[in-house]
Protein backbone atom coordinates (compact mmCIF):
# COMPACT_ATOMS: atom_id res chain seq x y z
CA UNK A 1 125.54 119.08 80.95
CA UNK A 2 122.58 120.83 82.59
CA UNK A 3 120.30 118.30 80.95
CA UNK A 4 122.19 115.48 82.51
CA UNK A 5 122.55 117.26 85.96
CA UNK A 6 118.74 118.02 85.83
CA UNK A 7 117.95 114.16 85.05
CA UNK A 8 120.33 113.12 87.71
CA UNK A 9 118.46 115.38 90.41
CA UNK A 10 115.20 114.00 89.05
CA UNK A 11 116.26 110.44 89.50
CA UNK A 12 117.67 111.27 93.03
CA UNK A 13 114.28 112.75 93.97
CA UNK A 14 112.34 109.83 92.73
CA UNK A 15 114.67 107.41 94.57
CA UNK A 16 114.07 109.17 97.73
CA UNK A 17 110.53 109.13 97.24
CA UNK A 18 110.58 105.55 96.36
CA UNK A 19 112.48 104.63 99.78
CA UNK A 20 110.05 106.91 101.66
CA UNK A 21 107.12 105.11 100.11
CA UNK A 22 108.56 101.80 100.81
CA UNK A 23 109.23 103.13 104.51
CA UNK A 24 105.76 104.05 104.91
CA UNK A 25 104.39 100.83 103.28
CA UNK A 26 106.41 98.87 105.83
CA UNK A 27 104.65 100.64 108.51
CA UNK A 28 101.32 99.55 107.17
CA UNK A 29 102.39 95.92 106.48
CA UNK A 30 103.63 95.71 110.08
CA UNK A 31 100.56 97.17 111.64
CA UNK A 32 98.22 94.95 109.36
CA UNK A 33 100.14 91.72 110.20
CA UNK A 34 99.89 92.66 113.90
CA UNK A 35 96.18 93.25 113.74
CA UNK A 36 95.54 89.64 112.58
CA UNK A 37 93.38 87.69 114.90
CA UNK A 38 94.81 85.19 117.34
CA UNK A 39 98.38 84.83 118.59
CA UNK A 40 101.08 83.80 116.25
CA UNK A 41 102.90 81.55 118.67
CA UNK A 42 99.45 79.89 119.51
CA UNK A 43 98.81 79.34 115.78
CA UNK A 44 102.15 77.69 115.25
CA UNK A 45 101.82 75.25 118.17
CA UNK A 46 98.07 74.55 117.95
CA UNK A 47 95.17 75.59 119.93
CA UNK A 48 95.91 72.97 122.61
CA UNK A 49 99.60 73.79 123.12
CA UNK A 50 100.88 74.01 126.52
CA UNK A 51 101.00 77.84 127.76
CA UNK A 52 104.49 77.31 128.94
CA UNK A 53 105.55 76.23 125.45
CA UNK A 54 103.64 79.15 123.67
CA UNK A 55 105.50 81.74 126.14
CA UNK A 56 108.85 80.12 125.29
CA UNK A 57 108.01 80.61 121.52
CA UNK A 58 106.79 84.10 121.83
CA UNK A 59 110.12 84.99 123.66
CA UNK A 60 112.26 83.16 120.89
CA UNK A 61 110.15 84.87 118.08
CA UNK A 62 110.52 88.58 119.82
CA UNK A 63 106.76 88.74 120.33
CA UNK A 64 107.09 89.50 123.98
CA UNK A 65 108.91 92.78 123.12
CA UNK A 66 107.23 96.13 122.60
CA UNK A 67 105.77 96.68 119.04
CA UNK A 68 108.07 99.45 118.12
CA UNK A 69 111.04 97.16 119.11
CA UNK A 70 109.60 94.58 116.97
CA UNK A 71 109.16 96.85 114.04
CA UNK A 72 112.49 98.39 113.99
CA UNK A 73 114.21 94.89 114.48
CA UNK A 74 112.34 93.58 111.48
CA UNK A 75 113.03 96.61 109.45
CA UNK A 76 116.64 96.52 110.19
CA UNK A 77 116.65 92.98 109.15
CA UNK A 78 115.19 93.85 105.79
CA UNK A 79 117.79 96.33 105.33
CA UNK A 80 120.61 93.79 105.80
CA UNK A 81 118.92 91.36 103.62
CA UNK A 82 117.71 89.13 106.62
CA UNK A 83 113.91 89.02 106.62
CA UNK A 84 114.00 86.55 109.50
CA UNK A 85 112.86 82.96 109.82
CA UNK A 86 109.65 81.36 108.79
CA UNK A 87 107.51 80.22 111.91
CA UNK A 88 106.32 77.04 110.28
CA UNK A 89 109.43 75.29 109.83
CA UNK A 90 112.01 77.59 111.75
CA UNK A 91 114.20 78.03 108.63
CA UNK A 92 115.53 81.39 107.21
CA UNK A 93 113.00 82.89 105.05
CA UNK A 94 115.31 83.53 102.20
CA UNK A 95 116.06 79.60 101.98
CA UNK A 96 112.41 78.96 102.49
CA UNK A 97 111.01 81.32 99.89
CA UNK A 98 113.83 82.09 97.35
CA UNK A 99 112.80 79.46 94.64
CA UNK A 100 109.17 80.64 94.71
CA UNK A 101 110.30 84.15 94.32
CA UNK A 102 112.53 83.18 91.39
CA UNK A 103 109.54 81.41 89.93
CA UNK A 104 107.20 84.35 90.11
CA UNK A 105 109.64 86.89 88.73
CA UNK A 106 110.26 84.47 85.77
CA UNK A 107 106.58 84.21 85.00
CA UNK A 108 106.31 88.18 85.49
CA UNK A 109 109.29 88.74 83.13
CA UNK A 110 108.14 86.27 80.55
CA UNK A 111 104.52 87.71 80.52
CA UNK A 112 105.99 91.20 80.26
CA UNK A 113 108.43 90.28 77.51
CA UNK A 114 105.56 89.09 75.42
CA UNK A 115 102.93 91.35 76.22
CA UNK A 116 104.67 94.73 75.78
CA UNK A 117 106.10 94.21 72.38
CA UNK A 118 102.70 92.54 71.19
CA UNK A 119 100.69 95.46 72.60
CA UNK A 120 102.84 98.05 70.86
CA UNK A 121 102.43 96.02 67.63
CA UNK A 122 98.79 95.94 67.88
CA UNK A 123 98.39 99.66 68.85
CA UNK A 124 100.75 100.79 66.03
CA UNK A 125 98.81 98.81 63.40
CA UNK A 126 95.44 100.02 64.78
CA UNK A 127 96.70 103.60 64.53
CA UNK A 128 97.94 103.06 60.93
CA UNK A 129 94.74 101.72 59.88
CA UNK A 130 92.58 104.06 61.83
CA UNK A 131 88.78 103.49 61.33
CA UNK A 132 89.21 100.55 58.99
CA UNK A 133 87.94 97.23 59.51
CA UNK A 134 90.92 96.00 61.43
CA UNK A 135 91.00 98.69 63.66
CA UNK A 136 87.38 98.49 64.34
CA UNK A 137 87.27 94.69 64.98
CA UNK A 138 90.48 94.74 67.09
CA UNK A 139 89.39 97.65 69.20
CA UNK A 140 86.29 95.90 69.93
CA UNK A 141 87.96 92.84 70.94
CA UNK A 142 90.40 94.54 73.28
CA UNK A 143 87.49 96.24 74.90
CA UNK A 144 85.83 93.02 75.43
CA UNK A 145 88.92 91.36 76.53
CA UNK A 146 89.74 94.16 78.83
CA UNK A 147 86.25 93.38 80.70
CA UNK A 148 86.98 89.89 81.55
CA UNK A 149 88.92 89.19 84.93
CA UNK A 150 92.07 87.25 84.44
CA UNK A 151 90.70 84.08 86.61
CA UNK A 152 88.06 83.83 84.00
CA UNK A 153 90.49 84.13 81.18
CA UNK A 154 92.51 81.45 82.96
CA UNK A 155 89.54 79.08 83.19
CA UNK A 156 88.53 79.57 79.62
CA UNK A 157 92.15 78.74 78.39
CA UNK A 158 92.15 75.46 80.73
CA UNK A 159 88.94 74.48 79.17
CA UNK A 160 89.96 75.17 75.68
CA UNK A 161 93.54 73.85 75.64
CA UNK A 162 93.77 71.53 78.58
CA UNK A 163 90.50 69.72 79.34
CA UNK A 164 87.49 69.61 77.02
CA UNK A 165 88.34 70.82 73.58
CA UNK A 166 91.93 69.98 73.10
CA UNK A 167 94.30 68.37 75.53
CA UNK A 168 97.40 70.22 74.16
CA UNK A 169 98.72 71.73 77.40
CA UNK A 170 99.11 70.87 81.15
CA UNK A 171 96.20 72.33 83.08
CA UNK A 172 98.40 72.77 86.15
CA UNK A 173 102.15 73.41 86.67
CA UNK A 174 104.12 70.52 88.33
CA UNK A 175 107.86 71.46 88.49
CA UNK A 176 108.92 69.44 91.54
CA UNK A 177 112.43 70.47 92.46
CA UNK A 178 113.07 71.82 88.94
CA UNK A 179 113.00 75.53 87.85
CA UNK A 180 110.13 76.92 85.76
CA UNK A 181 112.13 77.39 82.70
CA UNK A 182 112.74 73.58 82.55
CA UNK A 183 109.18 73.16 82.02
CA UNK A 184 108.20 75.79 79.38
CA UNK A 185 105.07 73.92 78.26
CA UNK A 186 103.55 74.22 81.74
CA UNK A 187 104.22 78.09 81.52
CA UNK A 188 102.18 78.60 78.26
CA UNK A 189 98.71 78.94 80.05
CA UNK A 190 99.63 81.12 83.28
CA UNK A 191 101.68 83.37 80.91
CA UNK A 192 98.99 83.71 78.14
CA UNK A 193 96.52 84.55 81.18
CA UNK A 194 98.53 87.32 82.29
CA UNK A 195 99.44 88.37 78.68
CA UNK A 196 95.73 88.48 77.49
CA UNK A 197 95.06 90.67 80.80
CA UNK A 198 97.44 93.32 79.78
CA UNK A 199 97.48 93.63 75.99
CA UNK A 200 94.12 95.42 75.84
CA UNK A 201 95.17 98.18 78.17
CA UNK A 202 98.53 98.86 76.55
CA UNK A 203 97.59 98.46 73.10
CA UNK A 204 94.47 100.93 73.58
CA UNK A 205 96.77 103.65 75.07
CA UNK A 206 99.33 103.02 72.36
CA UNK A 207 96.70 103.51 69.64
CA UNK A 208 95.43 106.81 71.22
CA UNK A 209 99.10 108.17 71.72
CA UNK A 210 99.94 107.30 68.29
CA UNK A 211 96.98 108.87 66.49
CA UNK A 212 97.69 112.05 68.40
CA UNK A 213 101.26 112.09 67.10
CA UNK A 214 100.46 111.01 63.61
CA UNK A 215 98.16 114.29 63.30
CA UNK A 216 101.08 116.48 64.57
CA UNK A 217 103.01 119.10 62.29
CA UNK A 218 106.40 117.43 62.40
CA UNK A 219 105.02 114.07 61.09
CA UNK A 220 103.11 115.85 58.50
CA UNK A 221 106.32 117.46 57.58
CA UNK A 222 108.09 114.05 57.26
CA UNK A 223 105.44 113.00 55.02
CA UNK A 224 105.68 115.98 52.82
CA UNK A 225 109.56 115.19 52.35
CA UNK A 226 108.59 111.87 50.92
CA UNK A 227 109.16 109.49 53.93
CA UNK A 228 107.30 106.21 53.53
CA UNK A 229 104.18 105.84 55.86
CA UNK A 230 106.02 102.83 57.56
CA UNK A 231 109.12 105.08 58.34
CA UNK A 232 106.73 107.75 59.48
CA UNK A 233 105.06 105.31 61.97
CA UNK A 234 108.03 103.54 63.42
CA UNK A 235 110.72 105.97 63.22
CA UNK A 236 108.93 109.42 63.80
CA UNK A 237 105.64 108.77 65.57
CA UNK A 238 106.16 105.77 67.70
CA UNK A 239 109.32 107.13 69.64
CA UNK A 240 107.46 110.21 70.48
CA UNK A 241 104.30 108.54 71.65
CA UNK A 242 105.95 106.34 74.21
CA UNK A 243 105.63 108.79 77.09
CA UNK A 244 102.18 107.81 78.30
CA UNK A 245 102.63 104.14 77.09
CA UNK A 246 105.49 103.65 79.51
CA UNK A 247 103.28 104.93 82.38
CA UNK A 248 100.75 102.26 81.35
CA UNK A 249 103.27 99.47 80.81
CA UNK A 250 104.57 100.27 84.49
CA UNK A 251 100.85 100.06 85.70
CA UNK A 252 100.49 96.75 84.02
CA UNK A 253 103.72 95.28 85.28
CA UNK A 254 102.59 96.17 88.69
CA UNK A 255 99.38 94.58 87.87
CA UNK A 256 101.41 91.48 87.09
CA UNK A 257 102.96 91.45 90.52
CA UNK A 258 99.53 91.62 92.15
CA UNK A 259 97.45 89.55 89.53
CA UNK A 260 100.07 86.97 89.57
CA UNK A 261 98.93 85.53 92.90
CA UNK A 262 95.47 84.68 91.39
CA UNK A 263 97.10 83.02 88.47
CA UNK A 264 99.21 81.10 90.40
CA UNK A 265 96.58 79.90 92.53
CA UNK A 266 94.51 78.93 89.40
CA UNK A 267 97.32 76.79 87.69
CA UNK A 268 98.89 75.68 91.06
CA UNK A 269 102.03 77.39 90.09
CA UNK A 270 104.79 77.42 92.76
CA UNK A 271 105.36 80.85 93.15
CA UNK A 272 104.62 83.72 95.78
CA UNK A 273 101.10 83.49 95.41
CA UNK A 274 100.76 80.04 96.96
CA UNK A 275 103.28 80.88 99.56
CA UNK A 276 101.40 84.10 100.54
CA UNK A 277 97.96 82.11 100.68
CA UNK A 278 99.85 79.32 102.99
CA UNK A 279 101.53 81.99 105.15
CA UNK A 280 98.04 83.90 105.73
CA UNK A 281 96.31 80.62 106.53
CA UNK A 282 98.69 79.53 109.32
CA UNK A 283 99.69 83.26 110.36
CA UNK A 284 103.34 83.15 109.38
CA UNK A 285 103.94 86.72 110.00
CA UNK A 286 107.43 87.08 108.92
CA UNK A 287 106.74 85.33 105.53
CA UNK A 288 103.58 87.50 104.90
CA UNK A 289 105.62 90.72 105.69
CA UNK A 290 108.53 89.81 103.38
CA UNK A 291 106.27 88.71 100.31
CA UNK A 292 104.07 91.81 100.40
CA UNK A 293 107.22 94.02 100.66
CA UNK A 294 108.56 92.24 97.65
CA UNK A 295 105.40 93.25 95.77
CA UNK A 296 105.65 96.72 97.09
CA UNK A 297 109.42 96.95 96.08
CA UNK A 298 108.40 95.78 92.70
CA UNK A 299 105.79 98.27 92.27
CA UNK A 300 108.06 101.19 93.32
CA UNK A 301 110.96 100.05 91.11
CA UNK A 302 108.85 99.64 87.92
CA UNK A 303 107.29 103.07 88.47
CA UNK A 304 110.65 104.69 88.95
CA UNK A 305 112.05 103.14 85.63
CA UNK A 306 108.73 104.06 83.81
CA UNK A 307 109.24 107.68 85.10
CA UNK A 308 112.91 107.87 83.93
CA UNK A 309 112.06 106.38 80.54
CA UNK A 310 109.20 108.90 80.00
CA UNK A 311 111.71 111.75 80.68
CA UNK A 312 114.19 110.26 78.14
CA UNK A 313 111.89 110.02 75.45
CA UNK A 314 109.95 113.24 75.74
CA UNK A 315 112.15 116.27 74.77
CA UNK A 316 109.63 118.77 76.57
CA UNK A 317 109.98 116.87 79.86
CA UNK A 318 113.74 116.71 79.36
CA UNK A 319 113.97 120.52 79.36
CA UNK A 320 111.53 121.00 82.28
CA UNK A 321 113.75 118.77 84.76
CA UNK A 322 117.02 120.40 83.42
């Protein structure tokens, strides 16, 4: 009971800190968007717009009110699930952007579902065959892959599989009004770009953590009892090495949330990356604020889940929080 209560208190503290973090982030987002050059209403109506029309639009958008009032009005709208209306077409932001958010979350989920098990497998095999040929070759390959930016990886994949070498896959995504999962062939290259960018980091941390655990006393005791090496690796060593791995997984999923913008631009993927670029170009402040808050929320939630998972798989930490 004490362990469960201690874990609940830990989760409560982390939730409070997460909400506080998002509140602070919202202040910075609002301040940064207000610091963008030019007037938002002027940007919407054009440089040669009539001053009276600009004044009317500023009043309609609430831009004539004090900044503090504008901030709390926007924040209260976020809390209620109403982030406002898009300046470019005067429609609710959720109606305007929801399909793009779903597409980006699907890409992020697909890349995570592939990269995490693949990284654990590669890291486990490397640790089991430590300092052998496979370990040396794969470690060098992961290090080389980690040094390549994701947009370069994407360009290489396009050249190899969509243009010059083999025209096997679409070079860009063209969904139209369909959902992303209805065109899985167009998801291959964007997903592969994100996966190849994340696997080196997770697999290297998995290898290091497993090697440390495999040298521990309780793993040696399992070997002395006659347990097969495969059982020692997957049943005893891997579960006890997941603590640091969860933290790296969280960082890479957060990287997905940010890196997806570059990947979406590269493959013309209809997600939040293109929407954010377009919103910045026309100074569509409500859309910019909403999309950046989504990215910040994903980051906070992923790190919260990673912290709780680390506590659950690490007996020493469970004892400390109880």
